[in-house]
N, C-alpha and C. Protein backbone atom coordinates (compact mmCIF):
# COMPACT_ATOMS: atom_id res chain seq x y z
N MET A 1 153.66 25.93 54.45
CA MET A 1 152.87 27.02 54.59
C MET A 1 153.54 28.36 54.35
N LYS A 2 154.86 28.32 54.72
CA LYS A 2 155.63 29.60 54.45
C LYS A 2 155.76 29.85 52.90
N LYS A 3 155.90 28.80 52.15
CA LYS A 3 155.96 28.87 50.68
C LYS A 3 154.78 29.39 50.16
N LEU A 4 153.62 28.95 50.64
CA LEU A 4 152.32 29.39 50.12
C LEU A 4 152.11 30.80 50.45
N ILE A 5 152.51 31.31 51.66
CA ILE A 5 152.39 32.69 51.92
C ILE A 5 153.27 33.53 51.02
N GLN A 6 154.50 33.08 50.80
CA GLN A 6 155.36 33.83 49.94
C GLN A 6 154.79 33.87 48.44
N TYR A 7 154.21 32.75 48.01
CA TYR A 7 153.59 32.79 46.66
C TYR A 7 152.47 33.74 46.65
N ILE A 8 151.60 33.74 47.56
CA ILE A 8 150.40 34.65 47.56
C ILE A 8 150.98 36.09 47.71
N ALA A 9 151.95 36.36 48.50
CA ALA A 9 152.50 37.76 48.65
C ALA A 9 153.07 38.23 47.39
N GLY A 10 153.70 37.36 46.66
CA GLY A 10 154.28 37.73 45.32
C GLY A 10 153.19 37.87 44.22
N ALA A 11 152.14 37.10 44.36
CA ALA A 11 151.06 37.20 43.29
C ALA A 11 150.23 38.38 43.40
N ILE A 12 149.96 38.87 44.63
CA ILE A 12 149.13 40.08 44.93
C ILE A 12 149.48 41.26 44.05
N PRO A 13 150.78 41.79 44.11
CA PRO A 13 151.16 42.89 43.38
C PRO A 13 150.99 42.74 41.84
N ALA A 14 151.28 41.47 41.43
CA ALA A 14 151.14 41.24 39.88
C ALA A 14 149.69 41.29 39.55
N ILE A 15 148.85 40.67 40.27
CA ILE A 15 147.47 40.76 39.90
C ILE A 15 146.86 42.10 39.98
N THR A 16 147.31 42.92 41.06
CA THR A 16 146.96 44.28 41.17
C THR A 16 147.38 45.16 39.97
N SER A 17 148.57 44.93 39.59
CA SER A 17 149.14 45.73 38.48
C SER A 17 148.49 45.48 37.08
N PHE A 18 148.09 44.25 36.91
CA PHE A 18 147.35 43.91 35.66
C PHE A 18 145.94 44.42 35.77
N THR A 19 145.40 44.57 36.97
CA THR A 19 144.06 45.15 37.11
C THR A 19 144.13 46.62 36.80
N VAL A 20 145.14 47.26 37.23
CA VAL A 20 145.35 48.84 36.99
C VAL A 20 145.49 49.06 35.49
N VAL A 21 146.22 48.06 34.88
CA VAL A 21 146.41 48.23 33.36
C VAL A 21 145.02 48.12 32.67
N ASN A 22 144.24 47.16 33.12
CA ASN A 22 142.96 47.01 32.47
C ASN A 22 142.10 48.23 32.66
N PHE A 23 142.17 48.90 33.79
CA PHE A 23 141.41 50.12 33.96
C PHE A 23 141.91 51.22 33.03
N ALA A 24 143.18 51.30 32.86
CA ALA A 24 143.79 52.25 32.01
C ALA A 24 143.45 52.05 30.58
N LEU A 25 143.37 50.89 30.18
CA LEU A 25 143.01 50.51 28.74
C LEU A 25 141.48 50.71 28.58
N ALA A 26 140.77 50.66 29.60
CA ALA A 26 139.33 50.90 29.37
C ALA A 26 138.98 52.31 28.92
N GLN A 27 139.94 53.30 29.09
CA GLN A 27 139.74 54.69 28.78
C GLN A 27 140.31 54.83 27.33
N SER A 28 139.69 54.17 26.32
CA SER A 28 140.23 54.33 24.95
C SER A 28 139.60 55.54 24.23
N ASP A 29 140.21 55.82 23.13
CA ASP A 29 139.84 57.04 22.38
C ASP A 29 138.66 56.81 21.47
N PHE A 30 138.06 55.56 21.48
CA PHE A 30 136.84 55.30 20.65
C PHE A 30 135.72 55.99 21.30
N GLU A 31 135.16 56.91 20.48
CA GLU A 31 133.89 57.62 20.91
C GLU A 31 132.65 56.70 20.78
N GLU A 32 132.66 55.93 19.63
CA GLU A 32 131.62 54.91 19.42
C GLU A 32 132.23 53.89 18.62
N LEU A 33 131.64 52.68 18.71
CA LEU A 33 132.20 51.52 17.89
C LEU A 33 131.87 51.87 16.45
N PRO A 34 132.86 51.59 15.56
CA PRO A 34 132.68 51.75 14.15
C PRO A 34 131.55 50.73 13.60
N ASP A 35 130.80 51.11 12.59
CA ASP A 35 129.86 50.21 11.87
C ASP A 35 130.60 48.90 11.38
N PRO A 36 130.25 47.75 11.74
CA PRO A 36 130.88 46.52 11.16
C PRO A 36 130.85 46.44 9.71
N GLY A 37 129.87 46.96 9.01
CA GLY A 37 129.73 46.96 7.59
C GLY A 37 130.24 48.18 7.00
N GLY A 38 130.74 49.17 7.72
CA GLY A 38 131.26 50.46 7.17
C GLY A 38 132.55 50.30 6.66
N PRO A 39 133.13 51.45 6.09
CA PRO A 39 134.41 51.46 5.56
C PRO A 39 135.50 51.44 6.83
N PHE A 40 136.69 50.96 6.48
CA PHE A 40 137.80 50.99 7.45
C PHE A 40 138.62 52.12 7.18
N THR A 41 138.48 53.23 7.93
CA THR A 41 139.08 54.53 7.66
C THR A 41 140.41 54.56 8.41
N LEU A 42 141.17 55.68 8.12
CA LEU A 42 142.40 55.92 8.85
C LEU A 42 142.23 56.32 10.31
N GLY A 43 141.13 56.83 10.70
CA GLY A 43 140.81 57.16 12.04
C GLY A 43 140.68 55.92 12.79
N ILE A 44 139.96 54.90 12.27
CA ILE A 44 139.76 53.55 12.95
C ILE A 44 141.12 52.86 13.01
N LEU A 45 142.00 52.97 11.94
CA LEU A 45 143.24 52.39 11.95
C LEU A 45 144.22 53.00 13.16
N ARG A 46 144.10 54.28 13.21
CA ARG A 46 144.84 55.06 14.22
C ARG A 46 144.50 54.67 15.67
N ASP A 47 143.10 54.56 15.79
CA ASP A 47 142.57 54.11 17.13
C ASP A 47 142.97 52.66 17.48
N LEU A 48 142.96 51.79 16.55
CA LEU A 48 143.33 50.49 16.70
C LEU A 48 144.85 50.33 17.13
N ILE A 49 145.67 51.03 16.28
CA ILE A 49 147.12 50.99 16.54
C ILE A 49 147.44 51.54 18.05
N ALA A 50 146.65 52.66 18.39
CA ALA A 50 146.85 53.23 19.70
C ALA A 50 146.45 52.29 20.80
N LEU A 51 145.35 51.39 20.59
CA LEU A 51 144.98 50.54 21.68
C LEU A 51 145.98 49.45 21.87
N VAL A 52 146.59 48.97 20.62
CA VAL A 52 147.65 47.87 20.76
C VAL A 52 148.92 48.44 21.37
N ARG A 53 149.25 49.70 20.95
CA ARG A 53 150.42 50.34 21.57
C ARG A 53 150.29 50.59 23.05
N ASP A 54 149.16 50.98 23.49
CA ASP A 54 149.00 51.21 24.90
C ASP A 54 149.07 49.92 25.69
N PHE A 55 148.43 48.87 25.08
CA PHE A 55 148.41 47.60 25.79
C PHE A 55 149.94 47.08 25.97
N VAL A 56 150.65 47.13 24.84
CA VAL A 56 152.02 46.63 24.79
C VAL A 56 152.92 47.48 25.88
N ILE A 57 152.79 48.75 25.84
CA ILE A 57 153.57 49.55 26.66
C ILE A 57 153.25 49.34 28.14
N TYR A 58 151.98 49.38 28.49
CA TYR A 58 151.49 49.19 29.95
C TYR A 58 151.76 47.80 30.46
N ALA A 59 151.61 46.82 29.61
CA ALA A 59 151.87 45.44 30.03
C ALA A 59 153.39 45.29 30.24
N GLY A 60 154.18 45.69 29.22
CA GLY A 60 155.55 45.59 29.28
C GLY A 60 156.24 46.36 30.44
N ALA A 61 155.69 47.59 30.75
CA ALA A 61 156.23 48.39 31.83
C ALA A 61 155.88 47.65 33.15
N THR A 62 154.70 47.06 33.28
CA THR A 62 154.41 46.31 34.48
C THR A 62 155.31 45.22 34.74
N ILE A 63 155.56 44.47 33.69
CA ILE A 63 156.49 43.20 33.76
C ILE A 63 157.87 43.69 34.18
N VAL A 64 158.35 44.83 33.55
CA VAL A 64 159.63 45.33 33.84
C VAL A 64 159.66 45.80 35.38
N ILE A 65 158.79 46.46 35.84
CA ILE A 65 158.76 46.79 37.26
C ILE A 65 158.72 45.56 38.17
N ILE A 66 157.90 44.58 37.82
CA ILE A 66 157.96 43.35 38.68
C ILE A 66 159.33 42.74 38.73
N PHE A 67 160.04 42.67 37.56
CA PHE A 67 161.38 42.04 37.52
C PHE A 67 162.34 43.02 38.23
N LEU A 68 162.27 44.18 38.15
CA LEU A 68 163.11 45.13 38.94
C LEU A 68 163.05 44.91 40.39
N VAL A 69 161.76 44.88 40.93
CA VAL A 69 161.60 44.60 42.42
C VAL A 69 162.06 43.25 42.61
N TYR A 70 161.77 42.16 41.85
CA TYR A 70 162.27 40.80 42.12
C TYR A 70 163.82 40.81 42.12
N SER A 71 164.49 41.55 41.37
CA SER A 71 165.99 41.60 41.32
C SER A 71 166.40 42.20 42.73
N GLY A 72 165.70 43.16 43.04
CA GLY A 72 166.09 43.91 44.35
C GLY A 72 165.97 42.89 45.48
N ILE A 73 164.77 42.09 45.56
CA ILE A 73 164.66 41.13 46.55
C ILE A 73 165.67 40.09 46.55
N LEU A 74 166.06 39.64 45.41
CA LEU A 74 167.13 38.63 45.17
C LEU A 74 168.43 39.19 45.70
N TRP A 75 168.73 40.42 45.48
CA TRP A 75 170.04 40.95 45.83
C TRP A 75 170.06 41.11 47.43
N VAL A 76 168.98 41.50 47.99
CA VAL A 76 168.90 41.69 49.43
C VAL A 76 168.94 40.26 50.16
N ARG A 77 168.34 39.30 49.57
CA ARG A 77 168.44 37.96 50.22
C ARG A 77 169.74 37.24 49.78
N ALA A 78 170.53 37.67 48.90
CA ALA A 78 171.75 37.06 48.57
C ALA A 78 172.74 36.95 49.63
N GLY A 79 172.80 38.19 50.38
CA GLY A 79 173.82 38.17 51.40
C GLY A 79 175.21 38.21 50.84
N GLU A 80 176.02 37.35 51.32
CA GLU A 80 177.43 37.23 50.86
C GLU A 80 177.67 36.10 49.80
N ASN A 81 176.52 35.51 49.38
CA ASN A 81 176.65 34.41 48.35
C ASN A 81 176.96 35.07 47.04
N PRO A 82 178.06 34.84 46.40
CA PRO A 82 178.32 35.34 45.08
C PRO A 82 177.43 34.83 43.96
N LYS A 83 177.14 33.55 44.09
CA LYS A 83 176.26 33.10 42.93
C LYS A 83 174.93 33.71 43.02
N ALA A 84 174.29 33.95 44.17
CA ALA A 84 173.10 34.61 44.31
C ALA A 84 173.18 36.12 43.87
N ILE A 85 174.31 36.74 44.20
CA ILE A 85 174.40 38.03 43.76
C ILE A 85 174.64 38.18 42.26
N ASP A 86 175.23 37.24 41.54
CA ASP A 86 175.32 37.15 40.18
C ASP A 86 173.92 36.96 39.54
N LYS A 87 173.08 36.11 40.21
CA LYS A 87 171.77 35.86 39.67
C LYS A 87 170.96 37.17 39.77
N ALA A 88 171.08 37.85 40.91
CA ALA A 88 170.33 39.14 41.08
C ALA A 88 170.79 40.18 40.03
N LYS A 89 172.11 40.25 39.77
CA LYS A 89 172.61 41.12 38.81
C LYS A 89 172.13 40.82 37.39
N ALA A 90 172.11 39.58 37.06
CA ALA A 90 171.52 39.17 35.76
C ALA A 90 170.09 39.47 35.63
N THR A 91 169.39 39.31 36.70
CA THR A 91 167.90 39.65 36.61
C THR A 91 167.79 41.17 36.43
N PHE A 92 168.57 41.81 37.14
CA PHE A 92 168.44 43.32 37.08
C PHE A 92 168.84 43.84 35.70
N LYS A 93 169.90 43.26 35.00
CA LYS A 93 170.26 43.63 33.64
C LYS A 93 169.22 43.19 32.69
N GLY A 94 168.50 42.03 32.86
CA GLY A 94 167.45 41.60 32.01
C GLY A 94 166.33 42.50 32.06
N ALA A 95 165.99 42.99 33.25
CA ALA A 95 164.92 43.95 33.46
C ALA A 95 165.17 45.23 32.80
N LEU A 96 166.50 45.79 32.87
CA LEU A 96 166.78 46.99 32.19
C LEU A 96 166.79 46.78 30.68
N TYR A 97 167.35 45.67 30.16
CA TYR A 97 167.23 45.37 28.67
C TYR A 97 165.75 45.34 28.25
N GLY A 98 164.91 44.76 29.08
CA GLY A 98 163.47 44.79 28.87
C GLY A 98 162.93 46.07 28.68
N ALA A 99 163.31 47.06 29.62
CA ALA A 99 162.81 48.37 29.54
C ALA A 99 163.20 49.08 28.23
N LEU A 100 164.57 48.85 27.89
CA LEU A 100 165.08 49.43 26.54
C LEU A 100 164.24 48.89 25.39
N ILE A 101 163.89 47.66 25.38
CA ILE A 101 163.15 46.96 24.23
C ILE A 101 161.71 47.55 24.22
N ILE A 102 161.17 47.75 25.46
CA ILE A 102 159.71 48.37 25.46
C ILE A 102 159.91 49.86 24.97
N ALA A 103 160.89 50.59 25.24
CA ALA A 103 161.00 51.92 24.74
C ALA A 103 161.23 51.92 23.22
N GLY A 104 162.04 50.91 22.79
CA GLY A 104 162.22 50.74 21.32
C GLY A 104 160.88 50.41 20.64
N ILE A 105 160.16 49.50 21.24
CA ILE A 105 158.88 49.13 20.64
C ILE A 105 157.95 50.27 20.49
N ARG A 106 157.89 51.16 21.51
CA ARG A 106 157.05 52.23 21.65
C ARG A 106 157.54 53.27 20.46
N LEU A 107 158.64 53.44 20.29
CA LEU A 107 159.25 54.30 19.16
C LEU A 107 158.83 53.77 17.78
N ILE A 108 158.96 52.48 17.56
CA ILE A 108 158.60 51.84 16.36
C ILE A 108 157.11 51.89 16.07
N ILE A 109 156.35 51.64 17.12
CA ILE A 109 154.88 51.67 16.89
C ILE A 109 154.41 53.15 16.65
N LEU A 110 154.95 54.11 17.34
CA LEU A 110 154.60 55.55 17.05
C LEU A 110 154.95 55.92 15.58
N THR A 111 156.11 55.47 15.09
CA THR A 111 156.57 55.74 13.72
C THR A 111 155.56 55.12 12.81
N ILE A 112 155.17 53.79 13.01
CA ILE A 112 154.29 53.20 12.17
C ILE A 112 152.95 53.81 12.22
N GLU A 113 152.46 54.31 13.31
CA GLU A 113 151.17 54.92 13.37
C GLU A 113 151.21 56.25 12.63
N SER A 114 152.34 57.01 12.78
CA SER A 114 152.34 58.23 12.03
C SER A 114 152.40 58.04 10.54
N LEU A 115 153.18 57.00 10.05
CA LEU A 115 153.25 56.66 8.71
C LEU A 115 151.95 56.18 8.11
N ALA A 116 151.24 55.41 8.90
CA ALA A 116 149.91 54.83 8.47
C ALA A 116 148.78 55.80 8.40
N THR A 117 148.93 56.82 9.21
CA THR A 117 147.77 57.87 9.25
C THR A 117 148.24 59.15 8.42
N GLY A 118 149.43 59.19 7.85
CA GLY A 118 149.80 60.32 7.04
C GLY A 118 150.31 61.43 7.87
N GLU A 119 150.30 61.37 9.14
CA GLU A 119 150.83 62.54 10.00
C GLU A 119 152.36 62.59 9.97
N PHE A 120 153.02 61.54 9.49
CA PHE A 120 154.55 61.64 9.44
C PHE A 120 155.02 62.67 8.51
N PHE A 121 154.31 62.83 7.40
CA PHE A 121 154.78 63.68 6.31
C PHE A 121 154.24 65.21 6.43
N ASN A 122 153.42 65.47 7.52
CA ASN A 122 152.95 66.79 7.72
C ASN A 122 153.92 67.63 8.61
């Protein structure tokens, strides 16, 4: 029973954070859906890239935050156990590396977006 309560308590923040991400992604820049038979313009491409970028950034940031909190919990529960402390440190480092990767992905996507829409050269 204790394991079930721990599992549910750990799942609630994750589910809540993904719900918040969905609400944030619902606020897109599309004023209206493009005509399916119409031309594929740079504006549509920019909006599509922005939607993908926002999803990747928000989902990645959510996962990084979850792992940072998880590593803190591991560290607190480790006590004097050196193996558990090493596991907590490794989890924390992994979360920080993930944050750096997400920041790099954001930079790459913004560069591709500005190149694809021609704003890079203005």
